């Protein structure tokens, strides 16, 4: 009979799982997802008070309000607004799978810069495209920034494949989620998606990946 050392392997596994959960909750990806959910709940609650249209209209992005009315804040607020449960679910699912992976490999500060920069580039691409067509439409959603993450991941695969450990099946699944989200969005804004994707790809090339000793 072996002596009782008081050590339970399951306790160590549980502690490691809890640590992983705490580490995830402290990431920028988790914070961005939380903010999106809270904003959506605020918007969804406003439906009961017949205020949703007004609330979204004040934060959505349109070139007329941005350039003519100088409401520059819209290029940020529009990134946190979603038009329905399917819209936010698809976007946050993509962000959950892809965001944390990219954040781990390029670092939190650079991930935040890439995410918001991609979203801003996507917003400008959408506005310029609509201006050229003479369309004064409004857009909402985080998909431009999320396509930026997709572009960033592609840059990692193409130019840093020897420096990172990657499951290509996971990457294919994540890319599928991103494309599915973009194609099933209401009133698809392809200009924003393309702009965000290219922005994320180029930005990831510029920022590179974290140094190996930083990830040790």
N, C-alpha and C. Protein backbone atom coordinates (compact mmCIF):
# COMPACT_ATOMS: atom_id res chain seq x y z
N UNK A 1 0.85 -1.19 0.00
CA UNK A 1 0.00 0.00 0.00
C UNK A 1 0.88 1.24 0.00
N UNK A 2 0.62 2.15 -0.96
CA UNK A 2 1.43 3.35 -1.07
C UNK A 2 1.01 4.37 -0.02
N UNK A 3 1.99 5.12 0.51
CA UNK A 3 1.65 6.12 1.52
C UNK A 3 0.82 7.24 0.90
N UNK A 4 -0.06 7.81 1.70
CA UNK A 4 -0.91 8.93 1.26
C UNK A 4 -0.10 10.22 1.38
N UNK A 5 0.22 10.79 0.22
CA UNK A 5 1.02 12.02 0.22
C UNK A 5 0.16 13.27 0.27
N UNK A 6 -1.15 13.07 0.14
CA UNK A 6 -2.04 14.23 0.17
C UNK A 6 -2.09 14.96 -1.17
N UNK A 7 -1.48 14.40 -2.20
CA UNK A 7 -1.45 15.05 -3.52
C UNK A 7 -2.50 14.43 -4.42
N UNK A 8 -3.36 15.23 -4.97
CA UNK A 8 -4.40 14.77 -5.87
C UNK A 8 -4.13 15.35 -7.25
N UNK A 9 -3.76 14.50 -8.24
CA UNK A 9 -3.46 15.00 -9.60
C UNK A 9 -4.60 15.81 -10.19
N UNK A 10 -5.84 15.45 -9.84
CA UNK A 10 -6.98 16.16 -10.40
C UNK A 10 -7.01 17.61 -9.93
N UNK A 11 -6.49 17.85 -8.70
CA UNK A 11 -6.44 19.21 -8.19
C UNK A 11 -5.48 20.06 -9.00
N UNK A 12 -4.33 19.46 -9.41
CA UNK A 12 -3.37 20.19 -10.22
C UNK A 12 -3.95 20.51 -11.59
N UNK A 13 -4.66 19.53 -12.17
CA UNK A 13 -5.29 19.76 -13.48
C UNK A 13 -6.32 20.87 -13.39
N UNK A 14 -7.14 20.84 -12.32
CA UNK A 14 -8.16 21.86 -12.14
C UNK A 14 -7.52 23.24 -11.96
N UNK A 15 -6.42 23.28 -11.21
CA UNK A 15 -5.72 24.54 -10.99
C UNK A 15 -5.17 25.09 -12.30
N UNK A 16 -4.62 24.19 -13.16
CA UNK A 16 -4.11 24.62 -14.45
C UNK A 16 -5.23 25.14 -15.33
N UNK A 17 -6.40 24.46 -15.29
CA UNK A 17 -7.55 24.91 -16.08
C UNK A 17 -8.02 26.28 -15.63
N UNK A 18 -8.06 26.48 -14.30
CA UNK A 18 -8.48 27.76 -13.77
C UNK A 18 -7.51 28.86 -14.16
N UNK A 19 -6.20 28.52 -14.15
CA UNK A 19 -5.19 29.49 -14.54
C UNK A 19 -5.37 29.88 -16.00
N UNK A 20 -5.63 28.88 -16.86
CA UNK A 20 -5.84 29.16 -18.28
C UNK A 20 -7.05 30.05 -18.47
N UNK A 21 -8.12 29.79 -17.71
CA UNK A 21 -9.32 30.61 -17.81
C UNK A 21 -9.03 32.03 -17.37
N UNK A 22 -8.28 32.19 -16.27
CA UNK A 22 -7.93 33.53 -15.79
C UNK A 22 -7.06 34.25 -16.81
N UNK A 23 -6.14 33.52 -17.41
CA UNK A 23 -5.28 34.13 -18.42
C UNK A 23 -6.09 34.57 -19.63
N UNK A 24 -7.06 33.76 -20.03
CA UNK A 24 -7.88 34.13 -21.18
C UNK A 24 -8.73 35.35 -20.87
N UNK A 25 -9.33 35.38 -19.69
CA UNK A 25 -10.20 36.49 -19.33
C UNK A 25 -9.45 37.81 -19.22
N UNK A 26 -8.12 37.73 -19.07
CA UNK A 26 -7.32 38.95 -18.95
C UNK A 26 -6.78 39.42 -20.31
N UNK A 27 -7.14 38.72 -21.39
CA UNK A 27 -6.65 39.10 -22.70
C UNK A 27 -7.49 40.23 -23.28
N UNK A 28 -6.91 40.93 -24.25
CA UNK A 28 -7.65 41.98 -24.95
C UNK A 28 -8.80 41.39 -25.74
N UNK A 29 -8.61 40.18 -26.27
CA UNK A 29 -9.68 39.52 -27.02
C UNK A 29 -10.92 39.35 -26.16
N UNK A 30 -10.75 38.86 -24.94
CA UNK A 30 -11.88 38.66 -24.04
C UNK A 30 -12.54 39.98 -23.69
N UNK A 31 -11.74 41.02 -23.46
CA UNK A 31 -12.29 42.33 -23.10
C UNK A 31 -13.11 42.89 -24.26
N UNK A 32 -12.61 42.76 -25.49
CA UNK A 32 -13.33 43.25 -26.66
C UNK A 32 -14.65 42.50 -26.83
N UNK A 33 -14.61 41.18 -26.64
CA UNK A 33 -15.84 40.38 -26.74
C UNK A 33 -16.84 40.84 -25.68
N UNK A 34 -16.38 41.06 -24.46
CA UNK A 34 -17.26 41.48 -23.37
C UNK A 34 -17.91 42.82 -23.69
N UNK A 35 -17.13 43.77 -24.17
CA UNK A 35 -17.67 45.09 -24.50
C UNK A 35 -18.74 44.96 -25.59
N UNK A 36 -18.46 44.16 -26.61
CA UNK A 36 -19.44 43.95 -27.68
C UNK A 36 -20.75 43.37 -27.14
N UNK A 37 -20.63 42.39 -26.24
CA UNK A 37 -21.82 41.76 -25.68
C UNK A 37 -22.61 42.75 -24.83
N UNK A 38 -21.92 43.53 -24.01
CA UNK A 38 -22.60 44.50 -23.17
C UNK A 38 -23.31 45.57 -24.00
N UNK A 39 -22.65 46.02 -25.05
CA UNK A 39 -23.27 47.01 -25.93
C UNK A 39 -24.49 46.40 -26.62
N UNK A 40 -24.37 45.14 -27.05
CA UNK A 40 -25.51 44.49 -27.70
C UNK A 40 -26.68 44.35 -26.73
N UNK A 41 -26.39 43.96 -25.49
CA UNK A 41 -27.45 43.83 -24.50
C UNK A 41 -28.14 45.17 -24.26
N UNK A 42 -27.36 46.24 -24.23
CA UNK A 42 -27.92 47.58 -24.09
C UNK A 42 -28.83 47.88 -25.28
N UNK A 43 -28.37 47.56 -26.48
CA UNK A 43 -29.17 47.81 -27.68
C UNK A 43 -30.42 46.94 -27.68
N UNK A 44 -30.25 45.66 -27.33
CA UNK A 44 -31.36 44.73 -27.33
C UNK A 44 -32.41 45.14 -26.30
N UNK A 45 -31.96 45.60 -25.13
CA UNK A 45 -32.88 46.06 -24.10
C UNK A 45 -33.66 47.28 -24.57
N UNK A 46 -33.01 48.09 -25.39
CA UNK A 46 -33.66 49.30 -25.89
C UNK A 46 -34.83 48.98 -26.82
N UNK A 47 -34.84 47.75 -27.37
CA UNK A 47 -35.96 47.36 -28.22
C UNK A 47 -37.27 47.44 -27.45
N UNK A 48 -37.22 47.05 -26.18
CA UNK A 48 -38.43 47.05 -25.35
C UNK A 48 -38.96 48.47 -25.13
N UNK A 49 -38.07 49.44 -25.29
CA UNK A 49 -38.47 50.83 -25.09
C UNK A 49 -38.55 51.59 -26.41
N UNK A 50 -38.51 50.81 -27.51
CA UNK A 50 -38.60 51.40 -28.85
C UNK A 50 -37.53 52.45 -29.11
N UNK A 51 -36.30 52.20 -28.60
CA UNK A 51 -35.21 53.15 -28.76
C UNK A 51 -34.05 52.58 -29.57
N UNK A 52 -34.19 51.37 -30.06
CA UNK A 52 -33.06 50.72 -30.73
C UNK A 52 -32.62 51.50 -31.96
N UNK A 53 -33.57 51.91 -32.80
CA UNK A 53 -33.22 52.59 -34.04
C UNK A 53 -32.46 53.88 -33.74
N UNK A 54 -32.92 54.62 -32.74
CA UNK A 54 -32.26 55.88 -32.39
C UNK A 54 -30.86 55.61 -31.86
N UNK A 55 -30.73 54.59 -31.00
CA UNK A 55 -29.45 54.30 -30.36
C UNK A 55 -28.42 53.87 -31.40
N UNK A 56 -28.84 52.99 -32.34
CA UNK A 56 -27.92 52.53 -33.37
C UNK A 56 -27.60 53.65 -34.35
N UNK A 57 -28.60 54.45 -34.70
CA UNK A 57 -28.37 55.54 -35.65
C UNK A 57 -27.30 56.50 -35.16
N UNK A 58 -27.26 56.72 -33.85
CA UNK A 58 -26.27 57.65 -33.29
C UNK A 58 -24.85 57.09 -33.36
N UNK A 59 -24.71 55.77 -33.51
CA UNK A 59 -23.37 55.18 -33.50
C UNK A 59 -22.94 54.53 -34.79
N UNK A 60 -23.85 54.40 -35.75
CA UNK A 60 -23.51 53.75 -37.01
C UNK A 60 -22.63 54.65 -37.87
N UNK A 61 -21.99 54.04 -38.85
CA UNK A 61 -21.02 54.76 -39.68
C UNK A 61 -21.61 55.09 -41.04
N UNK A 62 -21.55 56.37 -41.41
CA UNK A 62 -21.92 56.79 -42.76
C UNK A 62 -20.97 57.92 -43.16
N UNK A 63 -20.64 57.97 -44.43
CA UNK A 63 -19.68 58.97 -44.89
C UNK A 63 -20.23 60.38 -44.73
N UNK A 64 -21.55 60.54 -44.87
CA UNK A 64 -22.12 61.88 -44.76
C UNK A 64 -21.95 62.43 -43.33
N UNK A 65 -22.28 61.61 -42.33
CA UNK A 65 -22.13 62.06 -40.94
C UNK A 65 -20.67 62.22 -40.56
N UNK A 66 -19.81 61.36 -41.12
CA UNK A 66 -18.40 61.41 -40.77
C UNK A 66 -17.73 62.65 -41.36
N UNK A 67 -17.89 62.85 -42.64
CA UNK A 67 -17.20 63.96 -43.32
C UNK A 67 -17.95 65.29 -43.24
N UNK A 68 -19.25 65.28 -43.42
CA UNK A 68 -20.01 66.53 -43.45
C UNK A 68 -20.40 67.03 -42.07
N UNK A 69 -20.76 66.10 -41.18
CA UNK A 69 -21.16 66.50 -39.83
C UNK A 69 -20.03 66.36 -38.82
N UNK A 70 -18.87 65.90 -39.28
CA UNK A 70 -17.66 65.79 -38.45
C UNK A 70 -17.88 64.90 -37.21
N UNK A 71 -18.69 63.87 -37.37
CA UNK A 71 -18.94 62.93 -36.26
C UNK A 71 -17.96 61.77 -36.38
N UNK A 72 -16.70 62.07 -36.06
CA UNK A 72 -15.61 61.11 -36.28
C UNK A 72 -15.68 59.90 -35.35
N UNK A 73 -16.36 60.06 -34.22
CA UNK A 73 -16.45 58.96 -33.26
C UNK A 73 -17.15 57.74 -33.85
N UNK A 74 -17.94 57.95 -34.90
CA UNK A 74 -18.73 56.86 -35.46
C UNK A 74 -17.87 55.71 -36.00
N UNK A 75 -16.66 56.01 -36.42
CA UNK A 75 -15.82 54.96 -37.00
C UNK A 75 -15.38 53.96 -35.92
N UNK A 76 -15.45 54.37 -34.64
CA UNK A 76 -15.17 53.46 -33.52
C UNK A 76 -16.45 52.85 -32.98
N UNK A 77 -17.47 53.69 -32.73
CA UNK A 77 -18.71 53.17 -32.13
C UNK A 77 -19.39 52.13 -33.03
N UNK A 78 -19.27 52.31 -34.34
CA UNK A 78 -19.92 51.36 -35.25
C UNK A 78 -19.33 49.96 -35.13
N UNK A 79 -18.09 49.87 -34.66
CA UNK A 79 -17.43 48.57 -34.51
C UNK A 79 -18.00 47.75 -33.36
N UNK A 80 -18.79 48.38 -32.49
CA UNK A 80 -19.34 47.68 -31.33
C UNK A 80 -20.85 47.50 -31.42
N UNK A 81 -21.43 47.82 -32.57
CA UNK A 81 -22.88 47.69 -32.75
C UNK A 81 -23.18 46.52 -33.67
N UNK A 82 -24.25 45.77 -33.37
CA UNK A 82 -24.65 44.63 -34.18
C UNK A 82 -26.16 44.62 -34.36
N UNK A 83 -26.57 44.14 -35.52
CA UNK A 83 -27.99 44.16 -35.85
C UNK A 83 -28.68 42.83 -35.69
N UNK A 84 -28.63 42.26 -34.52
CA UNK A 84 -29.32 41.00 -34.27
C UNK A 84 -28.42 39.96 -33.65
N UNK A 85 -29.02 38.93 -33.07
CA UNK A 85 -28.28 37.90 -32.35
C UNK A 85 -27.38 37.11 -33.29
N UNK A 86 -27.83 36.84 -34.51
CA UNK A 86 -26.99 36.10 -35.46
C UNK A 86 -25.75 36.90 -35.82
N UNK A 87 -25.92 38.20 -36.00
CA UNK A 87 -24.82 39.07 -36.38
C UNK A 87 -23.72 39.06 -35.32
N UNK A 88 -24.10 39.28 -34.07
CA UNK A 88 -23.08 39.35 -33.01
C UNK A 88 -22.54 37.95 -32.70
N UNK A 89 -23.37 36.92 -32.78
CA UNK A 89 -22.89 35.57 -32.48
C UNK A 89 -21.81 35.15 -33.46
N UNK A 90 -22.06 35.34 -34.75
CA UNK A 90 -21.07 34.96 -35.76
C UNK A 90 -19.76 35.73 -35.58
N UNK A 91 -19.87 37.04 -35.34
CA UNK A 91 -18.67 37.85 -35.19
C UNK A 91 -17.87 37.49 -33.95
N UNK A 92 -18.57 37.30 -32.82
CA UNK A 92 -17.86 37.00 -31.58
C UNK A 92 -17.29 35.58 -31.60
N UNK A 93 -17.93 34.67 -32.32
CA UNK A 93 -17.39 33.31 -32.44
C UNK A 93 -16.08 33.34 -33.21
N UNK A 94 -16.05 34.10 -34.29
CA UNK A 94 -14.81 34.25 -35.05
C UNK A 94 -13.73 34.91 -34.20
N UNK A 95 -14.11 35.95 -33.49
CA UNK A 95 -13.14 36.66 -32.65
C UNK A 95 -12.60 35.76 -31.56
N UNK A 96 -13.46 34.91 -30.99
CA UNK A 96 -13.05 33.99 -29.93
C UNK A 96 -11.99 33.01 -30.43
N UNK A 97 -12.20 32.43 -31.60
CA UNK A 97 -11.28 31.41 -32.11
C UNK A 97 -10.00 32.01 -32.66
N UNK A 98 -10.10 33.15 -33.34
CA UNK A 98 -8.93 33.69 -34.04
C UNK A 98 -8.19 34.75 -33.25
N UNK A 99 -8.94 35.56 -32.47
CA UNK A 99 -8.32 36.68 -31.78
C UNK A 99 -7.26 36.28 -30.78
N UNK A 100 -7.57 35.27 -29.95
CA UNK A 100 -6.64 34.89 -28.90
C UNK A 100 -5.38 34.30 -29.50
N UNK A 101 -5.51 33.56 -30.62
CA UNK A 101 -4.33 32.97 -31.26
C UNK A 101 -3.41 34.06 -31.78
N UNK A 102 -3.99 35.04 -32.48
CA UNK A 102 -3.17 36.12 -33.02
C UNK A 102 -2.57 36.96 -31.89
N UNK A 103 -3.35 37.20 -30.84
CA UNK A 103 -2.85 38.01 -29.72
C UNK A 103 -1.66 37.33 -29.04
N UNK A 104 -1.71 36.02 -28.91
CA UNK A 104 -0.62 35.29 -28.27
C UNK A 104 0.69 35.41 -29.05
N UNK A 105 0.60 35.53 -30.36
CA UNK A 105 1.80 35.50 -31.19
C UNK A 105 2.35 36.87 -31.56
N UNK A 106 1.52 37.91 -31.49
CA UNK A 106 2.06 39.23 -31.79
C UNK A 106 2.08 40.12 -30.56
N UNK A 107 1.47 39.67 -29.45
CA UNK A 107 1.45 40.45 -28.23
C UNK A 107 0.21 41.33 -28.14
N UNK A 108 -0.23 41.59 -26.90
CA UNK A 108 -1.48 42.33 -26.68
C UNK A 108 -1.45 43.75 -27.24
N UNK A 109 -0.41 44.55 -26.97
CA UNK A 109 -0.43 45.92 -27.51
C UNK A 109 -0.55 45.97 -29.02
N UNK A 110 0.22 45.10 -29.70
CA UNK A 110 0.19 45.11 -31.16
C UNK A 110 -1.13 44.53 -31.69
N UNK A 111 -1.69 43.58 -30.94
CA UNK A 111 -2.99 43.04 -31.34
C UNK A 111 -4.07 44.11 -31.27
N UNK A 112 -4.07 44.89 -30.19
CA UNK A 112 -5.07 45.96 -30.04
C UNK A 112 -4.93 46.97 -31.18
N UNK A 113 -3.69 47.33 -31.48
CA UNK A 113 -3.45 48.28 -32.58
C UNK A 113 -3.95 47.69 -33.90
N UNK A 114 -3.62 46.42 -34.16
CA UNK A 114 -4.04 45.79 -35.41
C UNK A 114 -5.55 45.70 -35.49
N UNK A 115 -6.21 45.33 -34.40
CA UNK A 115 -7.67 45.16 -34.40
C UNK A 115 -8.37 46.47 -34.73
N UNK A 116 -8.03 47.52 -33.98
CA UNK A 116 -8.74 48.78 -34.18
C UNK A 116 -8.31 49.46 -35.48
N UNK A 117 -7.04 49.33 -35.84
CA UNK A 117 -6.59 49.90 -37.11
C UNK A 117 -7.28 49.23 -38.29
N UNK A 118 -7.42 47.91 -38.23
CA UNK A 118 -8.13 47.18 -39.29
C UNK A 118 -9.57 47.63 -39.38
N UNK A 119 -10.20 47.81 -38.22
CA UNK A 119 -11.58 48.27 -38.21
C UNK A 119 -11.72 49.67 -38.79
N UNK A 120 -10.77 50.54 -38.49
CA UNK A 120 -10.79 51.91 -39.03
C UNK A 120 -10.55 51.90 -40.54
N UNK A 121 -9.57 51.10 -40.97
CA UNK A 121 -9.32 50.98 -42.42
C UNK A 121 -10.56 50.44 -43.12
N UNK A 122 -11.21 49.45 -42.52
CA UNK A 122 -12.43 48.90 -43.10
C UNK A 122 -13.51 49.97 -43.19
N UNK A 123 -13.61 50.80 -42.16
CA UNK A 123 -14.60 51.87 -42.18
C UNK A 123 -14.35 52.86 -43.29
N UNK A 124 -13.10 53.26 -43.47
CA UNK A 124 -12.77 54.20 -44.54
C UNK A 124 -13.01 53.57 -45.91
N UNK A 125 -12.67 52.29 -46.05
CA UNK A 125 -12.91 51.62 -47.34
C UNK A 125 -14.39 51.60 -47.67
N UNK A 126 -15.21 51.34 -46.65
CA UNK A 126 -16.66 51.33 -46.85
C UNK A 126 -17.17 52.71 -47.23
N UNK A 127 -16.70 53.75 -46.52
CA UNK A 127 -17.18 55.10 -46.80
C UNK A 127 -16.77 55.58 -48.18
N UNK A 128 -15.52 55.35 -48.55
CA UNK A 128 -15.05 55.78 -49.86
C UNK A 128 -15.81 55.06 -50.97
N UNK A 129 -16.03 53.76 -50.80
CA UNK A 129 -16.76 52.99 -51.79
C UNK A 129 -18.18 53.53 -51.96
N UNK A 130 -18.86 53.80 -50.85
CA UNK A 130 -20.22 54.31 -50.92
C UNK A 130 -20.27 55.73 -51.48
N UNK A 131 -19.24 56.53 -51.17
CA UNK A 131 -19.18 57.88 -51.74
C UNK A 131 -19.04 57.82 -53.26
N UNK A 132 -18.20 56.94 -53.75
CA UNK A 132 -18.01 56.82 -55.19
C UNK A 132 -19.28 56.36 -55.91
N UNK A 133 -20.07 55.55 -55.20
CA UNK A 133 -21.32 55.09 -55.78
C UNK A 133 -22.47 56.06 -55.53
N UNK A 134 -22.22 57.07 -54.70
CA UNK A 134 -23.28 58.02 -54.37
C UNK A 134 -24.32 57.44 -53.45
N UNK A 135 -23.94 56.48 -52.63
CA UNK A 135 -24.87 55.83 -51.70
C UNK A 135 -24.59 56.33 -50.28
N UNK A 136 -25.61 56.84 -49.62
CA UNK A 136 -25.46 57.30 -48.25
C UNK A 136 -26.06 56.26 -47.30
N UNK A 137 -25.34 55.17 -47.12
CA UNK A 137 -25.82 54.09 -46.25
C UNK A 137 -25.05 54.08 -44.94
N UNK A 138 -25.64 53.44 -43.94
CA UNK A 138 -25.01 53.31 -42.64
C UNK A 138 -24.57 51.87 -42.43
N UNK A 139 -23.47 51.69 -41.71
CA UNK A 139 -22.97 50.34 -41.46
C UNK A 139 -22.61 50.17 -40.00
N UNK A 140 -22.76 48.94 -39.51
CA UNK A 140 -22.40 48.60 -38.14
C UNK A 140 -21.76 47.22 -38.15
N UNK A 141 -21.04 46.89 -37.08
CA UNK A 141 -20.49 45.55 -36.94
C UNK A 141 -18.98 45.51 -36.80
N UNK A 142 -18.49 44.44 -36.19
CA UNK A 142 -17.06 44.26 -35.95
C UNK A 142 -16.39 43.45 -37.05
N UNK A 143 -17.13 43.12 -38.11
CA UNK A 143 -16.59 42.19 -39.11
C UNK A 143 -15.38 42.76 -39.84
N UNK A 144 -15.31 44.09 -40.04
CA UNK A 144 -14.14 44.67 -40.69
C UNK A 144 -12.88 44.41 -39.88
N UNK A 145 -12.95 44.61 -38.56
CA UNK A 145 -11.81 44.35 -37.69
C UNK A 145 -11.50 42.86 -37.63
N UNK A 146 -12.53 42.03 -37.64
CA UNK A 146 -12.32 40.58 -37.59
C UNK A 146 -11.70 40.06 -38.87
N UNK A 147 -12.07 40.65 -40.01
CA UNK A 147 -11.39 40.30 -41.25
C UNK A 147 -9.93 40.74 -41.19
N UNK A 148 -9.66 41.80 -40.44
CA UNK A 148 -8.28 42.21 -40.22
C UNK A 148 -7.50 41.14 -39.47
N UNK A 149 -8.13 40.50 -38.50
CA UNK A 149 -7.49 39.40 -37.78
C UNK A 149 -7.22 38.23 -38.74
N UNK A 150 -8.19 37.96 -39.61
CA UNK A 150 -8.00 36.89 -40.60
C UNK A 150 -6.80 37.19 -41.49
N UNK A 151 -6.70 38.45 -41.93
CA UNK A 151 -5.54 38.84 -42.74
C UNK A 151 -4.24 38.73 -41.97
N UNK A 152 -4.28 39.08 -40.69
CA UNK A 152 -3.09 38.95 -39.85
C UNK A 152 -2.66 37.51 -39.69
N UNK A 153 -3.62 36.62 -39.52
CA UNK A 153 -3.29 35.20 -39.39
C UNK A 153 -2.70 34.66 -40.69
N UNK A 154 -3.22 35.11 -41.82
CA UNK A 154 -2.66 34.68 -43.10
C UNK A 154 -1.21 35.13 -43.23
N UNK A 155 -0.92 36.35 -42.77
CA UNK A 155 0.46 36.84 -42.81
C UNK A 155 1.37 35.97 -41.96
N UNK A 156 0.88 35.53 -40.79
CA UNK A 156 1.68 34.65 -39.94
C UNK A 156 1.98 33.33 -40.64
N UNK A 157 0.95 32.76 -41.27
CA UNK A 157 1.11 31.47 -41.93
C UNK A 157 2.10 31.57 -43.09
N UNK A 158 2.03 32.65 -43.84
CA UNK A 158 2.86 32.79 -45.03
C UNK A 158 4.31 33.17 -44.72
N UNK A 159 4.50 33.98 -43.67
CA UNK A 159 5.83 34.55 -43.45
C UNK A 159 6.47 34.16 -42.12
N UNK A 160 5.71 33.52 -41.22
CA UNK A 160 6.30 33.15 -39.92
C UNK A 160 5.95 31.70 -39.55
N UNK A 161 5.71 30.87 -40.53
CA UNK A 161 5.27 29.51 -40.23
C UNK A 161 6.32 28.72 -39.45
N UNK A 162 7.60 29.08 -39.60
CA UNK A 162 8.66 28.37 -38.88
C UNK A 162 8.85 28.88 -37.46
N UNK A 163 8.22 30.02 -37.14
CA UNK A 163 8.39 30.62 -35.82
C UNK A 163 7.21 30.37 -34.89
N UNK A 164 6.14 29.78 -35.42
CA UNK A 164 4.95 29.57 -34.60
C UNK A 164 4.50 28.13 -34.70
N UNK A 165 3.81 27.67 -33.68
CA UNK A 165 3.20 26.36 -33.69
C UNK A 165 1.74 26.55 -34.07
N UNK A 166 1.32 25.92 -35.14
CA UNK A 166 -0.03 26.18 -35.65
C UNK A 166 -0.69 24.90 -36.11
N UNK A 167 -1.96 24.78 -35.78
CA UNK A 167 -2.77 23.67 -36.24
C UNK A 167 -3.53 24.15 -37.48
N UNK A 168 -3.12 23.66 -38.64
CA UNK A 168 -3.71 24.15 -39.88
C UNK A 168 -5.19 23.82 -40.00
N UNK A 169 -5.62 22.74 -39.37
CA UNK A 169 -7.05 22.42 -39.37
C UNK A 169 -7.82 23.48 -38.61
N UNK A 170 -7.23 23.95 -37.50
CA UNK A 170 -7.86 25.02 -36.73
C UNK A 170 -7.90 26.31 -37.54
N UNK A 171 -6.82 26.58 -38.28
CA UNK A 171 -6.77 27.77 -39.10
C UNK A 171 -7.83 27.73 -40.20
N UNK A 172 -7.99 26.57 -40.84
CA UNK A 172 -8.99 26.44 -41.89
C UNK A 172 -10.39 26.63 -41.32
N UNK A 173 -10.62 26.06 -40.14
CA UNK A 173 -11.92 26.21 -39.48
C UNK A 173 -12.18 27.66 -39.13
N UNK A 174 -11.16 28.35 -38.60
CA UNK A 174 -11.30 29.75 -38.23
C UNK A 174 -11.56 30.61 -39.46
N UNK A 175 -10.85 30.34 -40.56
CA UNK A 175 -11.06 31.10 -41.80
C UNK A 175 -12.47 30.86 -42.33
N UNK A 176 -12.95 29.62 -42.22
CA UNK A 176 -14.31 29.31 -42.64
C UNK A 176 -15.33 30.10 -41.83
N UNK A 177 -15.11 30.16 -40.51
CA UNK A 177 -16.01 30.93 -39.66
C UNK A 177 -16.04 32.39 -40.06
N UNK A 178 -14.86 32.93 -40.35
CA UNK A 178 -14.76 34.34 -40.72
C UNK A 178 -15.51 34.60 -42.02
N UNK A 179 -15.30 33.73 -43.03
CA UNK A 179 -15.98 33.90 -44.31
C UNK A 179 -17.49 33.70 -44.16
N UNK A 180 -17.87 32.71 -43.35
CA UNK A 180 -19.30 32.47 -43.13
C UNK A 180 -19.95 33.66 -42.48
N UNK A 181 -19.27 34.23 -41.48
CA UNK A 181 -19.80 35.41 -40.80
C UNK A 181 -19.98 36.56 -41.77
N UNK A 182 -18.96 36.77 -42.62
CA UNK A 182 -19.04 37.87 -43.57
C UNK A 182 -20.14 37.69 -44.59
N UNK A 183 -20.32 36.46 -45.08
CA UNK A 183 -21.30 36.20 -46.13
C UNK A 183 -22.72 36.17 -45.60
N UNK A 184 -22.90 35.92 -44.29
CA UNK A 184 -24.24 35.85 -43.73
C UNK A 184 -24.65 37.13 -43.03
N UNK A 185 -23.76 38.12 -42.97
CA UNK A 185 -24.14 39.41 -42.40
C UNK A 185 -25.27 40.03 -43.22
N UNK A 186 -26.14 40.74 -42.51
CA UNK A 186 -27.18 41.47 -43.21
C UNK A 186 -26.54 42.62 -43.98
N UNK A 187 -27.00 42.81 -45.23
CA UNK A 187 -26.48 43.89 -46.06
C UNK A 187 -24.95 43.87 -46.07
N UNK A 188 -24.39 42.84 -46.65
CA UNK A 188 -22.94 42.61 -46.64
C UNK A 188 -22.18 43.82 -47.16
N UNK A 189 -21.18 44.24 -46.41
CA UNK A 189 -20.33 45.36 -46.80
C UNK A 189 -18.98 44.80 -47.24
N UNK A 190 -18.91 44.37 -48.50
CA UNK A 190 -17.69 43.74 -48.98
C UNK A 190 -16.50 44.69 -49.00
N UNK A 191 -16.75 45.97 -49.22
CA UNK A 191 -15.67 46.94 -49.22
C UNK A 191 -14.99 46.99 -47.85
N UNK A 192 -15.79 46.96 -46.79
CA UNK A 192 -15.24 46.96 -45.43
C UNK A 192 -14.48 45.67 -45.16
N UNK A 193 -15.01 44.55 -45.61
CA UNK A 193 -14.35 43.26 -45.38
C UNK A 193 -13.00 43.20 -46.09
N UNK A 194 -12.98 43.63 -47.34
CA UNK A 194 -11.73 43.61 -48.10
C UNK A 194 -10.72 44.58 -47.50
N UNK A 195 -11.20 45.79 -47.16
CA UNK A 195 -10.31 46.78 -46.55
C UNK A 195 -9.73 46.30 -45.23
N UNK A 196 -10.58 45.69 -44.39
CA UNK A 196 -10.10 45.18 -43.11
C UNK A 196 -9.11 44.05 -43.29
N UNK A 197 -9.39 43.15 -44.23
CA UNK A 197 -8.51 42.01 -44.48
C UNK A 197 -7.12 42.47 -44.94
N UNK A 198 -7.10 43.36 -45.91
CA UNK A 198 -5.82 43.86 -46.41
C UNK A 198 -5.08 44.67 -45.35
N UNK A 199 -5.84 45.45 -44.58
CA UNK A 199 -5.22 46.23 -43.50
C UNK A 199 -4.57 45.34 -42.46
N UNK A 200 -5.29 44.29 -42.05
CA UNK A 200 -4.74 43.36 -41.06
C UNK A 200 -3.53 42.62 -41.58
N UNK A 201 -3.57 42.22 -42.84
CA UNK A 201 -2.45 41.51 -43.45
C UNK A 201 -1.19 42.38 -43.46
N UNK A 202 -1.32 43.63 -43.92
CA UNK A 202 -0.16 44.52 -44.00
C UNK A 202 0.34 44.92 -42.61
N UNK A 203 -0.58 45.16 -41.69
CA UNK A 203 -0.18 45.56 -40.34
C UNK A 203 0.57 44.43 -39.64
N UNK A 204 0.12 43.20 -39.85
CA UNK A 204 0.81 42.06 -39.22
C UNK A 204 2.21 41.90 -39.78
N UNK A 205 2.39 42.19 -41.06
CA UNK A 205 3.73 42.16 -41.63
C UNK A 205 4.62 43.21 -40.99
N UNK A 206 4.04 44.35 -40.65
CA UNK A 206 4.82 45.44 -40.05
C UNK A 206 5.19 45.15 -38.60
N UNK A 207 4.23 44.63 -37.83
CA UNK A 207 4.50 44.43 -36.39
C UNK A 207 5.24 43.13 -36.13
N UNK A 208 5.12 42.14 -37.03
CA UNK A 208 5.81 40.88 -36.83
C UNK A 208 5.23 40.08 -35.67
N UNK A 209 6.03 39.20 -35.09
CA UNK A 209 5.58 38.35 -33.99
C UNK A 209 6.41 38.67 -32.76
N UNK A 210 5.90 38.21 -31.62
CA UNK A 210 6.65 38.39 -30.38
C UNK A 210 7.95 37.61 -30.44
N UNK A 211 8.98 38.13 -29.80
CA UNK A 211 10.25 37.41 -29.71
C UNK A 211 10.06 36.13 -28.92
N UNK A 212 10.74 35.09 -29.31
CA UNK A 212 10.54 33.79 -28.67
C UNK A 212 10.74 33.85 -27.17
N UNK A 213 11.70 34.61 -26.70
CA UNK A 213 11.93 34.63 -25.27
C UNK A 213 10.81 35.34 -24.53
N UNK A 214 10.05 36.22 -25.27
CA UNK A 214 8.90 36.87 -24.65
C UNK A 214 7.77 35.90 -24.42
N UNK A 215 7.75 34.83 -25.24
CA UNK A 215 6.65 33.87 -25.12
C UNK A 215 7.05 32.68 -24.27
N UNK A 216 8.27 32.68 -23.76
CA UNK A 216 8.72 31.53 -22.97
C UNK A 216 8.04 31.50 -21.61
